Amino acid sequence: MRIKQGFRRAWRGFWRRSRFVNGEPLNWLSLIVIVLVDIFILVNVFSGLSEIGNWPLSPGEAQPCYAPWQDYRQDRESDREIRFLEQQISVDPPPQRAVERLQKSSKGRLGSISPICLTYAKYQDAVNRPINRQRLKQRQEKYSQIQALEATNARIRQEYDSTLLEQLAAQPPEQSINLVEAAQAKATLEANNRQIAALKAEIAALERAILQEADSQAFLKFLEDNAAFAQLEREYQRSQFWYPSLQFLLQILFLLPLIGIALWVHRYHHGLLALMSWHLLVILLIPLVLKIFELLQVGALFEWLSNLILTLFGGLLFLVRYLYILLIPAAGFGLLKGAQAFFLNPQRQAIARVQRQRCVRCSKRLQDQDQYCPYCGYLQWMTCPSCQQLTYRHLPYCRHCGASVISSRRSP
């Protein structure tokens, strides 16, 4: 019952702080202005959180070569070398070298590019030479010629089949709707097939030329370095583990000064300034709570629990959700108990209520001569054990002599 009453008082206090200035409600125009200001602040807070969250380099930015290197190692096709090198060579001249692009992407950011990936980028730049770009252009042109010849062959075969039917039906050639006769079609097909074979041989020669380059061989040899890839993989996994937590820490550091300023203004100022600071405080707490829940889903704690479950129970990763279902309510229960002990503490409540001349139990307004609350009947005073004068209940010291009355405090 006390918890329910406490939440009701907290809810009423929340709305009172949000809509009242010096005990008077805001007019509708002022309320609309406040809401618009709240929306503006909320948008900028989330924009700031996004920007500071993007300040540290993500795993894909700090170790950009991990994904393509891993794909290459997992590829089991016979032509994986030329396909990989083709991906590293741009058809058109790049605006800047790969090493320069990586260094520029990390400028002004928190973190650094992996030295292994910088070495990887140097091999990329060495392979991405004008001669190799020219070879790829020639290769693409020859593939286009092959496609055109194959399309011509397909059309000829279709006409060739219908020509045979016309011959079987003894139809005169001048009445045929096809462009070529059977003999001519066969000769054209054979010529096209020879040209296709020659083009494929030329493509193979261009690919061998790319593969036999000293820079290409050095790059492929570097990709077979198991120790370098293992070190890169450890760096990538470590980045994946800590990146969400680092983002959360930076975003909290972004929010805490704003929350502190809003809390200080609200506590030590009054009137419209207190109202504005209260709205700012509420708005700042919204992303704070969201970020806490986000961290619980993707942060270091989740990763640690996931690894523990995988180690103990194999692939039963869903057990992490069971732990969360048990731990989060338990943590919430602890927070509620702590909040109850803090906000519903009689001494804490009495301090605020005495200052506002209200009943120390029900918080209703009293007159100067009221010893008992006319609303709940609670006696507001007690006798000081030192000076025998009446002093406030639930306050730690006598208002007359300053003696401690904590040991003598009692309920009626």
Protein backbone atom coordinates (compact mmCIF):
# COMPACT_ATOMS: atom_id res chain seq x y z
CA MET A 1 0.00 0.00 0.00
CA ARG A 2 2.80 2.40 0.88
CA ILE A 3 4.50 1.62 -2.44
CA LYS A 4 1.29 2.37 -4.31
CA GLN A 5 0.84 5.64 -2.44
CA GLY A 6 4.46 6.51 -3.06
CA PHE A 7 4.11 5.96 -6.80
CA ARG A 8 0.95 8.05 -6.85
CA ARG A 9 2.71 10.89 -5.09
CA ALA A 10 5.69 10.56 -7.41
CA TRP A 11 3.41 10.63 -10.45
CA ARG A 12 1.54 13.69 -9.17
CA GLY A 13 4.85 15.34 -8.36
CA PHE A 14 6.12 14.58 -11.86
CA TRP A 15 3.15 16.29 -13.52
CA ARG A 16 3.23 19.16 -11.04
CA ARG A 17 6.86 19.85 -11.87
CA SER A 18 6.11 19.51 -15.60
CA ARG A 19 3.10 21.85 -15.80
CA PHE A 20 3.23 24.26 -12.85
CA VAL A 21 5.33 27.38 -12.25
CA ASN A 22 5.26 28.70 -8.69
CA GLY A 23 2.09 26.69 -8.02
CA GLU A 24 0.27 28.07 -11.09
CA PRO A 25 -0.49 25.90 -14.14
CA LEU A 26 0.99 26.82 -17.50
CA ASN A 27 -1.32 28.29 -20.13
CA TRP A 28 -1.76 26.33 -23.35
CA LEU A 29 0.52 28.55 -25.41
CA SER A 30 3.35 28.19 -22.91
CA LEU A 31 2.76 24.43 -22.74
CA ILE A 32 2.98 24.15 -26.55
CA VAL A 33 6.24 26.12 -26.54
CA ILE A 34 7.63 23.83 -23.82
CA VAL A 35 6.68 20.72 -25.81
CA LEU A 36 8.30 22.11 -28.98
CA VAL A 37 11.46 22.92 -27.04
CA ASP A 38 11.39 19.37 -25.59
CA ILE A 39 11.15 17.86 -29.08
CA PHE A 40 14.01 20.04 -30.33
CA ILE A 41 16.21 19.08 -27.39
CA LEU A 42 15.36 15.38 -27.74
CA VAL A 43 16.26 15.36 -31.45
CA ASN A 44 19.58 17.08 -30.75
CA VAL A 45 20.36 14.76 -27.85
CA PHE A 46 19.86 11.68 -30.03
CA SER A 47 21.87 13.31 -32.83
CA GLY A 48 24.69 14.00 -30.39
CA LEU A 49 24.55 10.43 -29.11
CA SER A 50 24.75 9.13 -32.68
CA GLU A 51 27.70 11.36 -33.52
CA ILE A 52 29.69 10.51 -30.42
CA GLY A 53 28.78 6.83 -30.90
CA ASN A 54 30.36 6.99 -34.36
CA TRP A 55 33.51 8.63 -33.04
CA PRO A 56 35.35 5.39 -32.19
CA LEU A 57 36.29 3.19 -35.12
CA SER A 58 34.00 0.21 -35.52
CA PRO A 59 35.52 -3.29 -35.94
CA GLY A 60 34.88 -3.07 -39.69
CA GLU A 61 36.72 0.28 -39.82
CA ALA A 62 39.61 -0.61 -37.50
CA GLN A 63 40.17 -4.00 -39.21
CA PRO A 64 38.76 -3.36 -42.72
CA CYS A 65 40.70 -6.18 -44.34
CA TYR A 66 39.34 -8.91 -42.07
CA ALA A 67 36.12 -9.61 -44.01
CA PRO A 68 37.66 -9.89 -47.54
CA TRP A 69 40.62 -11.86 -46.17
CA GLN A 70 38.30 -14.28 -44.39
CA ASP A 71 36.18 -14.70 -47.55
CA TYR A 72 39.33 -15.51 -49.51
CA ARG A 73 40.45 -18.14 -47.00
CA GLN A 74 37.01 -19.76 -47.00
CA ASP A 75 36.78 -19.81 -50.81
CA ARG A 76 37.49 -23.29 -52.18
CA GLU A 77 37.04 -22.59 -55.89
CA SER A 78 39.96 -23.18 -58.27
CA ASP A 79 39.90 -19.63 -59.66
CA ARG A 80 39.77 -17.86 -56.30
CA GLU A 81 43.15 -16.14 -56.82
CA ILE A 82 42.20 -14.31 -60.00
CA ARG A 83 38.73 -13.47 -58.68
CA PHE A 84 40.28 -12.01 -55.53
CA LEU A 85 42.84 -9.97 -57.44
CA GLU A 86 40.11 -8.73 -59.76
CA GLN A 87 38.28 -7.33 -56.71
CA GLN A 88 41.43 -5.45 -55.65
CA ILE A 89 41.97 -3.85 -59.07
CA SER A 90 39.69 -0.98 -60.03
CA VAL A 91 38.82 -0.54 -63.70
CA ASP A 92 39.15 3.24 -63.45
CA PRO A 93 42.05 5.00 -61.69
CA PRO A 94 41.14 5.41 -57.98
CA PRO A 95 40.93 8.96 -56.56
CA GLN A 96 43.45 7.99 -53.86
CA ARG A 97 45.56 5.05 -52.84
CA ALA A 98 44.17 2.43 -50.46
CA VAL A 99 46.67 3.32 -47.71
CA GLU A 100 45.79 7.00 -47.95
CA ARG A 101 42.07 6.19 -47.88
CA LEU A 102 42.48 4.17 -44.68
CA GLN A 103 44.59 6.84 -43.01
CA LYS A 104 42.05 9.50 -43.95
CA SER A 105 39.14 7.42 -42.60
CA SER A 106 40.79 7.22 -39.16
CA LYS A 107 41.73 10.90 -38.98
CA GLY A 108 39.89 12.63 -36.11
CA ARG A 109 38.45 9.32 -34.92
CA LEU A 110 39.05 7.38 -31.71
CA GLY A 111 41.20 4.33 -32.39
CA SER A 112 43.61 3.36 -35.14
CA ILE A 113 43.71 1.14 -38.21
CA SER A 114 45.25 -2.28 -37.71
CA PRO A 115 48.90 -2.32 -38.93
CA ILE A 116 48.14 -5.64 -40.63
CA CYS A 117 45.40 -3.98 -42.68
CA LEU A 118 47.74 -1.13 -43.59
CA THR A 119 50.15 -3.75 -44.93
CA TYR A 120 47.22 -5.35 -46.76
CA ALA A 121 46.40 -1.95 -48.30
CA LYS A 122 50.00 -1.53 -49.49
CA TYR A 123 49.72 -4.82 -51.37
CA GLN A 124 46.42 -3.57 -52.82
CA ASP A 125 48.09 -0.43 -54.12
CA ALA A 126 50.94 -2.46 -55.59
CA VAL A 127 48.53 -4.74 -57.49
CA ASN A 128 46.25 -1.91 -58.61
CA ARG A 129 48.64 -0.74 -61.31
CA PRO A 130 47.73 0.82 -64.70
CA ILE A 131 48.90 -2.27 -66.59
CA ASN A 132 46.60 -4.52 -64.57
CA ARG A 133 43.70 -2.10 -64.98
CA GLN A 134 44.29 -2.19 -68.74
CA ARG A 135 44.31 -5.98 -68.68
CA LEU A 136 41.00 -6.05 -66.85
CA LYS A 137 39.48 -3.68 -69.39
CA GLN A 138 40.65 -5.92 -72.22
CA ARG A 139 39.31 -8.93 -70.38
CA GLN A 140 35.92 -7.28 -69.96
CA GLU A 141 35.83 -6.33 -73.64
CA LYS A 142 36.56 -9.92 -74.64
CA TYR A 143 33.82 -11.21 -72.35
CA SER A 144 31.43 -8.78 -74.07
CA GLN A 145 32.48 -10.15 -77.47
CA ILE A 146 31.93 -13.69 -76.27
CA GLN A 147 28.44 -12.82 -75.04
CA ALA A 148 27.60 -11.24 -78.41
CA LEU A 149 28.88 -14.31 -80.31
CA GLU A 150 26.99 -16.70 -78.03
CA ALA A 151 23.80 -14.70 -78.54
CA THR A 152 24.35 -14.91 -82.33
CA ASN A 153 24.93 -18.65 -82.08
CA ALA A 154 21.74 -19.13 -80.12
CA ARG A 155 19.74 -17.26 -82.77
CA ILE A 156 21.41 -19.21 -85.59
CA ARG A 157 20.67 -22.53 -83.89
CA GLN A 158 17.03 -21.60 -83.59
CA GLU A 159 16.90 -20.67 -87.29
CA TYR A 160 18.96 -23.74 -88.17
CA ASP A 161 16.41 -26.02 -86.54
CA SER A 162 13.52 -24.43 -88.43
CA THR A 163 15.53 -24.58 -91.70
CA LEU A 164 15.90 -28.34 -91.30
CA LEU A 165 12.13 -28.62 -90.86
CA GLU A 166 11.59 -26.60 -94.05
CA GLN A 167 13.94 -28.89 -95.96
CA LEU A 168 12.13 -31.95 -94.66
CA ALA A 169 8.87 -30.39 -95.79
CA ALA A 170 10.37 -29.74 -99.30
CA GLN A 171 9.70 -25.98 -99.00
CA PRO A 172 11.46 -23.91 -101.70
CA PRO A 173 14.37 -21.80 -100.32
CA GLU A 174 12.92 -18.57 -101.69
CA GLN A 175 9.89 -19.05 -99.43
CA SER A 176 12.01 -19.52 -96.26
CA ILE A 177 11.64 -16.89 -93.54
CA ASN A 178 15.17 -17.61 -92.18
CA LEU A 179 18.26 -15.62 -93.04
CA VAL A 180 20.65 -18.58 -93.55
CA GLU A 181 20.44 -22.05 -94.90
CA ALA A 182 21.60 -25.12 -93.00
CA ALA A 183 25.06 -25.32 -94.53
CA GLN A 184 25.71 -21.63 -94.07
CA ALA A 185 24.40 -21.79 -90.48
CA LYS A 186 26.77 -24.63 -89.66
CA ALA A 187 29.74 -22.76 -91.09
CA THR A 188 28.86 -19.60 -89.18
CA LEU A 189 28.48 -21.53 -85.93
CA GLU A 190 31.85 -23.17 -86.37
CA ALA A 191 33.52 -19.84 -87.12
CA ASN A 192 31.92 -18.21 -84.09
CA ASN A 193 32.94 -21.10 -81.84
CA ARG A 194 36.52 -20.80 -83.03
CA GLN A 195 36.45 -17.09 -82.30
CA ILE A 196 34.96 -17.75 -78.84
CA ALA A 197 37.72 -20.27 -78.10
CA ALA A 198 40.35 -17.77 -79.20
CA LEU A 199 38.85 -15.06 -77.02
CA LYS A 200 38.79 -17.41 -74.01
CA ALA A 201 42.44 -18.23 -74.63
CA GLU A 202 43.24 -14.52 -74.73
CA ILE A 203 41.31 -14.03 -71.46
CA ALA A 204 43.27 -16.86 -69.84
CA ALA A 205 46.51 -15.24 -71.01
CA LEU A 206 45.50 -11.91 -69.49
CA GLU A 207 44.63 -13.62 -66.20
CA ARG A 208 47.97 -15.46 -66.17
CA ALA A 209 49.74 -12.17 -66.77
CA ILE A 210 48.01 -10.66 -63.75
CA LEU A 211 48.72 -13.71 -61.58
CA GLN A 212 52.38 -13.91 -62.59
CA GLU A 213 53.09 -10.31 -61.59
CA ALA A 214 55.60 -10.15 -58.74
CA ASP A 215 53.28 -7.89 -56.76
CA SER A 216 50.37 -10.32 -57.23
CA GLN A 217 52.47 -13.24 -56.04
CA ALA A 218 53.63 -11.27 -53.00
CA PHE A 219 50.03 -10.35 -52.17
CA LEU A 220 48.84 -13.96 -52.47
CA LYS A 221 51.75 -15.14 -50.34
CA PHE A 222 50.81 -12.58 -47.69
CA LEU A 223 47.23 -13.91 -47.69
CA GLU A 224 48.55 -17.38 -46.85
CA ASP A 225 50.27 -16.09 -43.70
CA ASN A 226 48.31 -17.93 -40.98
CA ALA A 227 50.02 -16.11 -38.10
CA ALA A 228 49.14 -12.67 -39.48
CA PHE A 229 45.52 -13.67 -40.08
CA ALA A 230 45.23 -15.20 -36.60
CA GLN A 231 46.50 -11.97 -35.03
CA LEU A 232 44.07 -9.92 -37.14
CA GLU A 233 41.22 -12.21 -36.11
CA ARG A 234 42.06 -11.71 -32.43
CA GLU A 235 42.12 -7.93 -32.93
CA TYR A 236 38.76 -8.05 -34.72
CA GLN A 237 37.11 -10.19 -32.05
CA ARG A 238 38.48 -7.94 -29.29
CA SER A 239 37.10 -4.90 -31.12
CA GLN A 240 33.72 -6.57 -31.52
CA PHE A 241 33.65 -7.38 -27.80
CA TRP A 242 34.48 -3.88 -26.52
CA TYR A 243 33.04 -1.63 -29.23
CA PRO A 244 29.42 -1.52 -27.91
CA SER A 245 30.64 -0.87 -24.36
CA LEU A 246 32.98 1.89 -25.54
CA GLN A 247 30.11 3.49 -27.45
CA PHE A 248 27.94 3.32 -24.32
CA LEU A 249 30.67 4.86 -22.14
CA LEU A 250 31.17 7.79 -24.52
CA GLN A 251 27.43 8.36 -24.80
CA ILE A 252 27.09 8.33 -21.01
CA LEU A 253 29.93 10.84 -20.76
CA PHE A 254 28.00 12.97 -23.26
CA LEU A 255 24.81 12.80 -21.17
CA LEU A 256 26.17 13.11 -17.62
CA PRO A 257 27.27 16.79 -17.77
CA LEU A 258 23.89 17.76 -19.23
CA ILE A 259 22.05 15.76 -16.57
CA GLY A 260 24.21 17.29 -13.84
CA ILE A 261 23.57 20.85 -15.05
CA ALA A 262 19.82 20.23 -15.38
CA LEU A 263 19.68 18.68 -11.91
CA TRP A 264 21.63 21.56 -10.35
CA VAL A 265 19.46 24.22 -11.99
CA HIS A 266 16.28 22.43 -10.97
CA ARG A 267 17.41 22.03 -7.39
CA TYR A 268 18.72 25.53 -6.74
CA HIS A 269 16.47 27.66 -8.92
CA HIS A 270 12.78 28.36 -9.03
CA GLY A 271 10.04 29.47 -11.37
CA LEU A 272 10.26 29.04 -15.13
CA LEU A 273 13.95 28.14 -15.00
CA ALA A 274 13.18 25.22 -12.68
CA LEU A 275 10.40 24.07 -15.02
CA MET A 276 12.67 24.16 -18.07
CA SER A 277 15.45 22.33 -16.25
CA TRP A 278 12.96 19.67 -15.11
CA HIS A 279 11.86 19.04 -18.70
CA LEU A 280 15.50 18.88 -19.78
CA LEU A 281 16.26 16.39 -17.02
CA VAL A 282 13.37 14.11 -18.05
CA ILE A 283 14.36 14.28 -21.72
CA LEU A 284 17.98 13.40 -20.94
CA LEU A 285 16.93 10.42 -18.83
CA ILE A 286 14.97 8.89 -21.75
CA PRO A 287 18.03 8.13 -23.95
CA LEU A 288 20.02 7.18 -20.86
CA VAL A 289 17.55 4.40 -20.02
CA LEU A 290 17.38 3.29 -23.67
CA LYS A 291 21.17 3.10 -23.90
CA ILE A 292 21.36 1.02 -20.73
CA PHE A 293 18.92 -1.52 -22.15
CA GLU A 294 20.80 -1.46 -25.46
CA LEU A 295 24.07 -2.20 -23.68
CA LEU A 296 22.47 -5.18 -21.94
CA GLN A 297 21.56 -6.60 -25.36
CA VAL A 298 24.82 -6.06 -27.27
CA GLY A 299 27.46 -4.97 -24.76
CA ALA A 300 30.33 -6.73 -23.05
CA LEU A 301 28.00 -8.32 -20.48
CA PHE A 302 25.94 -9.98 -23.21
CA GLU A 303 29.09 -11.14 -25.01
CA TRP A 304 30.51 -12.55 -21.80
CA LEU A 305 27.31 -14.42 -20.98
CA SER A 306 27.08 -15.70 -24.56
CA ASN A 307 30.63 -17.03 -24.44
CA LEU A 308 29.97 -18.63 -21.06
CA ILE A 309 26.83 -20.36 -22.34
CA LEU A 310 28.61 -21.54 -25.50
CA THR A 311 31.46 -22.92 -23.39
CA LEU A 312 29.19 -24.73 -20.92
CA PHE A 313 26.29 -25.82 -23.10
CA GLY A 314 27.52 -25.73 -26.68
CA GLY A 315 25.11 -24.06 -29.09
CA LEU A 316 22.30 -23.42 -26.59
CA LEU A 317 22.62 -19.66 -26.91
CA PHE A 318 18.95 -19.14 -26.08
CA LEU A 319 19.85 -19.85 -22.45
CA VAL A 320 21.26 -16.31 -22.32
CA ARG A 321 17.68 -15.08 -22.61
CA TYR A 322 16.73 -17.23 -19.62
CA LEU A 323 19.49 -15.58 -17.61
CA TYR A 324 18.26 -12.14 -18.65
CA ILE A 325 14.67 -13.03 -17.79
CA LEU A 326 15.87 -13.97 -14.30
CA LEU A 327 18.52 -11.30 -13.75
CA ILE A 328 16.70 -8.22 -15.06
CA PRO A 329 13.59 -8.67 -12.84
CA ALA A 330 15.89 -9.34 -9.90
CA ALA A 331 17.82 -6.15 -10.64
CA GLY A 332 14.54 -4.27 -11.06
CA PHE A 333 13.30 -5.58 -7.72
CA GLY A 334 16.48 -4.38 -6.06
CA LEU A 335 16.11 -0.94 -7.66
CA LEU A 336 12.50 -0.71 -6.51
CA LYS A 337 13.47 -1.64 -2.95
CA GLY A 338 16.24 0.94 -3.00
CA ALA A 339 13.95 3.59 -4.45
CA GLN A 340 11.33 2.79 -1.85
CA ALA A 341 13.83 3.09 0.96
CA PHE A 342 15.13 6.36 -0.47
CA PHE A 343 11.99 8.18 -1.57
CA LEU A 344 9.60 6.82 1.07
CA ASN A 345 12.01 7.39 3.94
CA PRO A 346 10.03 9.29 6.64
CA GLN A 347 12.95 11.52 7.53
CA ARG A 348 13.58 12.51 3.90
CA GLN A 349 9.87 13.16 3.33
CA ALA A 350 9.57 15.14 6.57
CA ILE A 351 12.41 17.50 5.62
CA ALA A 352 10.68 18.58 2.41
CA ARG A 353 7.20 18.71 3.95
CA VAL A 354 8.15 20.76 6.98
CA GLN A 355 9.79 23.33 4.69
CA ARG A 356 6.50 23.64 2.78
CA GLN A 357 4.33 23.63 5.96
CA ARG A 358 2.67 20.34 5.16
CA CYS A 359 1.73 17.25 7.15
CA VAL A 360 4.77 15.02 7.62
CA ARG A 361 2.61 11.94 6.91
CA CYS A 362 0.08 12.81 4.15
CA SER A 363 1.67 16.02 2.76
CA LYS A 364 -1.55 18.07 3.08
CA ARG A 365 -1.18 21.79 3.77
CA LEU A 366 -1.43 22.83 7.47
CA GLN A 367 -2.18 26.05 9.30
CA ASP A 368 0.30 27.55 11.77
CA GLN A 369 -1.67 26.42 14.83
CA ASP A 370 -2.32 22.84 13.68
CA GLN A 371 -0.78 20.25 16.01
CA TYR A 372 -2.70 17.40 14.44
CA CYS A 373 -3.29 17.05 10.72
CA PRO A 374 -6.99 17.73 10.00
CA TYR A 375 -6.82 15.28 7.09
CA CYS A 376 -5.13 12.20 8.58
CA GLY A 377 -5.02 13.04 12.33
CA TYR A 378 -1.25 12.68 12.59
CA LEU A 379 0.51 14.51 15.49
CA GLN A 380 3.13 16.81 13.98
CA TRP A 381 5.20 17.40 17.15
CA MET A 382 7.15 15.47 19.71
CA THR A 383 8.84 16.46 22.98
CA CYS A 384 12.57 17.00 22.86
CA PRO A 385 14.25 14.78 25.49
CA SER A 386 16.79 17.51 26.25
CA CYS A 387 14.83 20.77 26.51
CA GLN A 388 11.27 19.40 26.77
CA GLN A 389 10.12 21.74 23.98
CA LEU A 390 7.98 20.68 21.06
CA THR A 391 9.93 19.88 17.91
CA TYR A 392 9.15 18.28 14.57
CA ARG A 393 8.69 14.55 14.23
CA HIS A 394 11.08 12.56 12.01
CA LEU A 395 13.70 15.34 11.93
CA PRO A 396 17.07 14.48 13.47
CA TYR A 397 17.59 17.55 15.70
CA CYS A 398 15.50 19.70 18.02
CA ARG A 399 14.53 23.06 16.55
CA HIS A 400 15.05 24.78 19.96
CA CYS A 401 18.23 23.33 21.45
CA GLY A 402 19.72 21.41 18.48
CA ALA A 403 20.01 18.18 20.48
CA SER A 404 19.71 14.86 18.64
CA VAL A 405 16.22 13.36 18.89
CA ILE A 406 16.78 10.30 16.66
CA SER A 407 16.78 7.86 19.58
CA SER A 408 13.55 9.32 20.95
CA ARG A 409 11.63 9.38 17.65
CA ARG A 410 8.49 7.27 17.80
CA SER A 411 5.18 6.89 16.04
CA PRO A 412 1.86 7.73 17.77
